[in-house]
Amino acid sequence: MGTNGSTMLQPLRQGLPPLDPAAVSDAASCALPAHYEAVGEARGFTRKTLDGWDTGERTDDVCLVVSELVTNALRHALPPMDGLLPEHCPPVRLHLLRWAERMVCAVRDPSRETPVTRDAEDDFSAESGRGLFLVDSFSDSWGWHPLAGGLGGKVVWALFRLPMTAPACAD
């Protein structure tokens, strides 16, 4: 536990499926502009994408988590939004990947800063600071890792187990 009441997260890759393109059933991504309206755009993109995939009852959970991850990226990973951001500022990017029984939503941002969660005893009536708590509550696992090479920044991801599609029963 940190002395400031926050928990620092170490890079976490456990639970993240291999990102082998050959193993992915479906994939979609979009670049998001550096303004808070992008949260709604990301949610709309996610819902439209998942409507075409068989994600069952997890759609609302995924949309909520995407909203939180994009909000965190815009709030904490970009330069201060005192107006328009410089055009050279790398955008936030949302990736959705689906396998047969699981899916991952991943948000890439230009910061290498470690995501910080609030402690459980923090004030839950506060207007902000619950994003990663909600991500943890509504996904099956989540984590982050720095990007290698010239990309810079990091990816924060959340994994969702999908309901198995049961074959029709002949009783």
C-alpha atoms as a PDB file:
ATOM      1  CA  MET A   1       0.000   0.000   0.000  1.00  0.00           C
ATOM      2  CA  GLY A   2       1.252   3.446  -0.862  1.00  0.00           C
ATOM      3  CA  THR A   3       1.550   6.185   1.691  1.00  0.00           C
ATOM      4  CA  ASN A   4      -0.912   8.345  -0.246  1.00  0.00           C
ATOM      5  CA  GLY A   5      -3.805   5.900   0.162  1.00  0.00           C
ATOM      6  CA  SER A   6      -3.468   4.489  -3.354  1.00  0.00           C
ATOM      7  CA  THR A   7      -2.317   1.102  -4.502  1.00  0.00           C
ATOM      8  CA  MET A   8       0.310   1.017  -7.259  1.00  0.00           C
ATOM      9  CA  LEU A   9      -0.208  -1.729  -9.800  1.00  0.00           C
ATOM     10  CA  GLN A  10       2.740  -3.608 -11.178  1.00  0.00           C
ATOM     11  CA  PRO A  11       2.590  -4.538 -14.849  1.00  0.00           C
ATOM     12  CA  LEU A  12       0.252  -7.490 -14.994  1.00  0.00           C
ATOM     13  CA  ARG A  13      -0.035  -9.923 -17.860  1.00  0.00           C
ATOM     14  CA  GLN A  14      -1.559 -12.934 -16.098  1.00  0.00           C
ATOM     15  CA  GLY A  15      -4.902 -13.902 -17.581  1.00  0.00           C
ATOM     16  CA  LEU A  16      -4.301 -12.023 -20.822  1.00  0.00           C
ATOM     17  CA  PRO A  17      -4.880 -14.399 -23.737  1.00  0.00           C
ATOM     18  CA  PRO A  18      -2.093 -14.690 -26.301  1.00  0.00           C
ATOM     19  CA  LEU A  19      -2.549 -11.986 -28.901  1.00  0.00           C
ATOM     20  CA  ASP A  20      -1.937 -14.372 -31.775  1.00  0.00           C
ATOM     21  CA  PRO A  21      -3.982 -12.974 -34.684  1.00  0.00           C
ATOM     22  CA  ALA A  22      -4.619 -16.506 -35.963  1.00  0.00           C
ATOM     23  CA  ALA A  23      -6.386 -17.426 -32.703  1.00  0.00           C
ATOM     24  CA  VAL A  24      -8.664 -14.377 -32.623  1.00  0.00           C
ATOM     25  CA  SER A  25     -12.220 -14.952 -33.874  1.00  0.00           C
ATOM     26  CA  ASP A  26     -13.042 -11.255 -34.284  1.00  0.00           C
ATOM     27  CA  ALA A  27     -11.159  -8.001 -33.800  1.00  0.00           C
ATOM     28  CA  ALA A  28     -12.038  -4.331 -34.077  1.00  0.00           C
ATOM     29  CA  SER A  29     -10.281  -1.132 -33.105  1.00  0.00           C
ATOM     30  CA  CYS A  30     -10.731   2.596 -33.348  1.00  0.00           C
ATOM     31  CA  ALA A  31      -8.673   5.700 -32.664  1.00  0.00           C
ATOM     32  CA  LEU A  32     -10.302   8.084 -30.234  1.00  0.00           C
ATOM     33  CA  PRO A  33      -9.930  11.854 -30.268  1.00  0.00           C
ATOM     34  CA  ALA A  34      -8.424  13.534 -27.223  1.00  0.00           C
ATOM     35  CA  HIS A  35     -11.643  14.949 -25.783  1.00  0.00           C
ATOM     36  CA  TYR A  36     -14.159  13.586 -23.282  1.00  0.00           C
ATOM     37  CA  GLU A  37     -16.856  13.092 -25.929  1.00  0.00           C
ATOM     38  CA  ALA A  38     -14.659  10.185 -27.036  1.00  0.00           C
ATOM     39  CA  VAL A  39     -15.999   8.172 -24.078  1.00  0.00           C
ATOM     40  CA  GLY A  40     -19.458   8.107 -25.667  1.00  0.00           C
ATOM     41  CA  GLU A  41     -17.927   7.395 -29.066  1.00  0.00           C
ATOM     42  CA  ALA A  42     -16.000   4.431 -27.589  1.00  0.00           C
ATOM     43  CA  ARG A  43     -19.133   3.099 -25.884  1.00  0.00           C
ATOM     44  CA  GLY A  44     -21.133   3.410 -29.131  1.00  0.00           C
ATOM     45  CA  PHE A  45     -18.367   1.724 -31.141  1.00  0.00           C
ATOM     46  CA  THR A  46     -18.215  -1.088 -28.573  1.00  0.00           C
ATOM     47  CA  ARG A  47     -21.986  -1.650 -28.502  1.00  0.00           C
ATOM     48  CA  LYS A  48     -22.226  -1.649 -32.306  1.00  0.00           C
ATOM     49  CA  THR A  49     -19.299  -4.073 -32.565  1.00  0.00           C
ATOM     50  CA  LEU A  50     -20.607  -6.421 -29.869  1.00  0.00           C
ATOM     51  CA  ASP A  51     -24.084  -6.436 -31.432  1.00  0.00           C
ATOM     52  CA  GLY A  52     -22.438  -8.286 -34.328  1.00  0.00           C
ATOM     53  CA  TRP A  53     -20.580 -10.691 -32.054  1.00  0.00           C
ATOM     54  CA  ASP A  54     -22.114 -13.301 -29.788  1.00  0.00           C
ATOM     55  CA  THR A  55     -21.199 -11.753 -26.416  1.00  0.00           C
ATOM     56  CA  GLY A  56     -24.547 -12.450 -24.752  1.00  0.00           C
ATOM     57  CA  GLU A  57     -25.190 -10.811 -21.417  1.00  0.00           C
ATOM     58  CA  ARG A  58     -21.646  -9.420 -21.168  1.00  0.00           C
ATOM     59  CA  THR A  59     -22.290  -6.512 -23.569  1.00  0.00           C
ATOM     60  CA  ASP A  60     -23.338  -4.052 -20.854  1.00  0.00           C
ATOM     61  CA  ASP A  61     -20.363  -5.044 -18.669  1.00  0.00           C
ATOM     62  CA  VAL A  62     -17.941  -4.567 -21.565  1.00  0.00           C
ATOM     63  CA  CYS A  63     -19.462  -1.174 -22.459  1.00  0.00           C
ATOM     64  CA  LEU A  64     -19.142   0.012 -18.839  1.00  0.00           C
ATOM     65  CA  VAL A  65     -15.520  -1.137 -18.626  1.00  0.00           C
ATOM     66  CA  VAL A  66     -14.655   0.482 -21.969  1.00  0.00           C
ATOM     67  CA  SER A  67     -16.132   3.754 -20.677  1.00  0.00           C
ATOM     68  CA  GLU A  68     -13.980   3.579 -17.549  1.00  0.00           C
ATOM     69  CA  LEU A  69     -10.764   2.633 -19.364  1.00  0.00           C
ATOM     70  CA  VAL A  70     -11.195   5.390 -21.966  1.00  0.00           C
ATOM     71  CA  THR A  71     -12.078   7.951 -19.279  1.00  0.00           C
ATOM     72  CA  ASN A  72      -8.935   7.006 -17.340  1.00  0.00           C
ATOM     73  CA  ALA A  73      -6.788   7.279 -20.463  1.00  0.00           C
ATOM     74  CA  LEU A  74      -8.188  10.723 -21.298  1.00  0.00           C
ATOM     75  CA  ARG A  75      -7.988  11.974 -17.716  1.00  0.00           C
ATOM     76  CA  HIS A  76      -4.633  10.579 -16.644  1.00  0.00           C
ATOM     77  CA  ALA A  77      -2.581   9.639 -19.716  1.00  0.00           C
ATOM     78  CA  LEU A  78      -2.827  12.717 -21.904  1.00  0.00           C
ATOM     79  CA  PRO A  79      -1.439  16.211 -21.359  1.00  0.00           C
ATOM     80  CA  PRO A  80      -3.783  18.582 -19.486  1.00  0.00           C
ATOM     81  CA  MET A  81      -6.856  19.409 -21.535  1.00  0.00           C
ATOM     82  CA  ASP A  82      -6.673  23.201 -21.220  1.00  0.00           C
ATOM     83  CA  GLY A  83      -8.096  23.525 -24.679  1.00  0.00           C
ATOM     84  CA  LEU A  84      -7.221  21.637 -27.791  1.00  0.00           C
ATOM     85  CA  LEU A  85      -4.405  19.163 -27.557  1.00  0.00           C
ATOM     86  CA  PRO A  86      -1.572  19.448 -30.030  1.00  0.00           C
ATOM     87  CA  GLU A  87      -2.188  17.492 -33.205  1.00  0.00           C
ATOM     88  CA  HIS A  88       0.982  15.463 -32.675  1.00  0.00           C
ATOM     89  CA  CYS A  89      -0.400  14.041 -29.403  1.00  0.00           C
ATOM     90  CA  PRO A  90      -0.879  10.296 -29.958  1.00  0.00           C
ATOM     91  CA  PRO A  91      -4.533   9.340 -29.742  1.00  0.00           C
ATOM     92  CA  VAL A  92      -6.048   6.888 -27.358  1.00  0.00           C
ATOM     93  CA  ARG A  93      -6.887   3.669 -29.187  1.00  0.00           C
ATOM     94  CA  LEU A  94      -9.520   1.071 -28.291  1.00  0.00           C
ATOM     95  CA  HIS A  95      -9.060  -2.568 -29.306  1.00  0.00           C
ATOM     96  CA  LEU A  96     -11.713  -5.293 -28.998  1.00  0.00           C
ATOM     97  CA  LEU A  97     -10.628  -8.913 -29.481  1.00  0.00           C
ATOM     98  CA  ARG A  98     -12.911 -11.945 -29.272  1.00  0.00           C
ATOM     99  CA  TRP A  99     -12.064 -15.607 -28.969  1.00  0.00           C
ATOM    100  CA  ALA A 100     -14.671 -18.390 -28.762  1.00  0.00           C
ATOM    101  CA  GLU A 101     -15.262 -18.099 -25.010  1.00  0.00           C
ATOM    102  CA  ARG A 102     -13.575 -14.847 -23.998  1.00  0.00           C
ATOM    103  CA  MET A 103     -12.918 -11.343 -25.148  1.00  0.00           C
ATOM    104  CA  VAL A 104     -10.514  -8.557 -24.281  1.00  0.00           C
ATOM    105  CA  CYS A 105     -10.980  -4.839 -24.482  1.00  0.00           C
ATOM    106  CA  ALA A 106      -7.696  -2.954 -24.433  1.00  0.00           C
ATOM    107  CA  VAL A 107      -7.083   0.788 -24.355  1.00  0.00           C
ATOM    108  CA  ARG A 108      -3.731   2.075 -25.540  1.00  0.00           C
ATOM    109  CA  ASP A 109      -2.532   5.475 -24.379  1.00  0.00           C
ATOM    110  CA  PRO A 110       0.732   7.428 -24.706  1.00  0.00           C
ATOM    111  CA  SER A 111       1.622   7.450 -20.987  1.00  0.00           C
ATOM    112  CA  ARG A 112       3.956   5.022 -19.243  1.00  0.00           C
ATOM    113  CA  GLU A 113       2.508   5.962 -15.847  1.00  0.00           C
ATOM    114  CA  THR A 114       1.310   3.092 -13.682  1.00  0.00           C
ATOM    115  CA  PRO A 115      -2.475   2.890 -13.232  1.00  0.00           C
ATOM    116  CA  VAL A 116      -3.457   3.672  -9.639  1.00  0.00           C
ATOM    117  CA  THR A 117      -6.495   2.302  -7.827  1.00  0.00           C
ATOM    118  CA  ARG A 118      -8.071   3.741  -4.724  1.00  0.00           C
ATOM    119  CA  ASP A 119      -8.096   1.695  -1.567  1.00  0.00           C
ATOM    120  CA  ALA A 120     -11.359  -0.025  -0.670  1.00  0.00           C
ATOM    121  CA  GLU A 121     -11.825   2.274   2.319  1.00  0.00           C
ATOM    122  CA  ASP A 122     -11.715   5.416   0.171  1.00  0.00           C
ATOM    123  CA  ASP A 123     -14.838   7.549  -0.114  1.00  0.00           C
ATOM    124  CA  PHE A 124     -17.178   5.820  -2.581  1.00  0.00           C
ATOM    125  CA  SER A 125     -19.380   8.920  -2.740  1.00  0.00           C
ATOM    126  CA  ALA A 126     -16.550  10.795  -4.477  1.00  0.00           C
ATOM    127  CA  GLU A 127     -17.252  11.922  -8.050  1.00  0.00           C
ATOM    128  CA  SER A 128     -14.158  10.228  -9.470  1.00  0.00           C
ATOM    129  CA  GLY A 129     -11.563   7.630  -8.604  1.00  0.00           C
ATOM    130  CA  ARG A 130     -13.688   4.500  -8.886  1.00  0.00           C
ATOM    131  CA  GLY A 131     -12.869   3.640 -12.498  1.00  0.00           C
ATOM    132  CA  LEU A 132     -10.430   0.796 -11.894  1.00  0.00           C
ATOM    133  CA  PHE A 133     -12.592  -0.506  -9.041  1.00  0.00           C
ATOM    134  CA  LEU A 134     -15.466  -0.779 -11.562  1.00  0.00           C
ATOM    135  CA  VAL A 135     -13.172  -2.393 -14.131  1.00  0.00           C
ATOM    136  CA  ASP A 136     -12.173  -4.967 -11.507  1.00  0.00           C
ATOM    137  CA  SER A 137     -15.807  -5.529 -10.483  1.00  0.00           C
ATOM    138  CA  PHE A 138     -17.314  -5.971 -13.966  1.00  0.00           C
ATOM    139  CA  SER A 139     -14.521  -7.840 -15.788  1.00  0.00           C
ATOM    140  CA  ASP A 140     -13.120 -11.293 -15.042  1.00  0.00           C
ATOM    141  CA  SER A 141      -9.550  -9.987 -14.856  1.00  0.00           C
ATOM    142  CA  TRP A 142      -7.621  -6.935 -15.920  1.00  0.00           C
ATOM    143  CA  GLY A 143      -4.114  -5.562 -16.012  1.00  0.00           C
ATOM    144  CA  TRP A 144      -1.733  -3.366 -17.918  1.00  0.00           C
ATOM    145  CA  HIS A 145       1.635  -3.501 -19.580  1.00  0.00           C
ATOM    146  CA  PRO A 146       4.013  -0.996 -21.139  1.00  0.00           C
ATOM    147  CA  LEU A 147       4.349  -1.070 -24.902  1.00  0.00           C
ATOM    148  CA  ALA A 148       7.671  -2.143 -26.333  1.00  0.00           C
ATOM    149  CA  GLY A 149       9.606  -0.624 -29.169  1.00  0.00           C
ATOM    150  CA  GLY A 150       8.975   2.798 -30.611  1.00  0.00           C
ATOM    151  CA  LEU A 151       5.269   2.900 -29.740  1.00  0.00           C
ATOM    152  CA  GLY A 152       5.729   4.077 -26.168  1.00  0.00           C
ATOM    153  CA  GLY A 153       2.871   4.273 -23.735  1.00  0.00           C
ATOM    154  CA  LYS A 154       0.915   1.392 -22.264  1.00  0.00           C
ATOM    155  CA  VAL A 155      -2.118  -0.817 -22.727  1.00  0.00           C
ATOM    156  CA  VAL A 156      -4.715  -1.315 -20.004  1.00  0.00           C
ATOM    157  CA  TRP A 157      -6.850  -4.381 -20.704  1.00  0.00           C
ATOM    158  CA  ALA A 158      -9.845  -6.215 -19.289  1.00  0.00           C
ATOM    159  CA  LEU A 159     -10.793  -9.817 -19.977  1.00  0.00           C
ATOM    160  CA  PHE A 160     -14.371 -11.121 -20.108  1.00  0.00           C
ATOM    161  CA  ARG A 161     -15.418 -14.756 -20.187  1.00  0.00           C
ATOM    162  CA  LEU A 162     -18.280 -15.206 -22.633  1.00  0.00           C
ATOM    163  CA  PRO A 163     -21.205 -17.552 -22.144  1.00  0.00           C
ATOM    164  CA  MET A 164     -20.836 -20.760 -24.102  1.00  0.00           C
ATOM    165  CA  THR A 165     -23.385 -21.159 -26.836  1.00  0.00           C
ATOM    166  CA  ALA A 166     -25.187 -24.380 -25.939  1.00  0.00           C
ATOM    167  CA  PRO A 167     -26.314 -26.632 -28.777  1.00  0.00           C
ATOM    168  CA  ALA A 168     -30.055 -27.075 -29.042  1.00  0.00           C
ATOM    169  CA  CYS A 169     -31.314 -29.923 -26.859  1.00  0.00           C
ATOM    170  CA  ALA A 170     -33.495 -32.636 -28.321  1.00  0.00           C
ATOM    171  CA  ASP A 171     -35.534 -33.813 -25.346  1.00  0.00           C
END
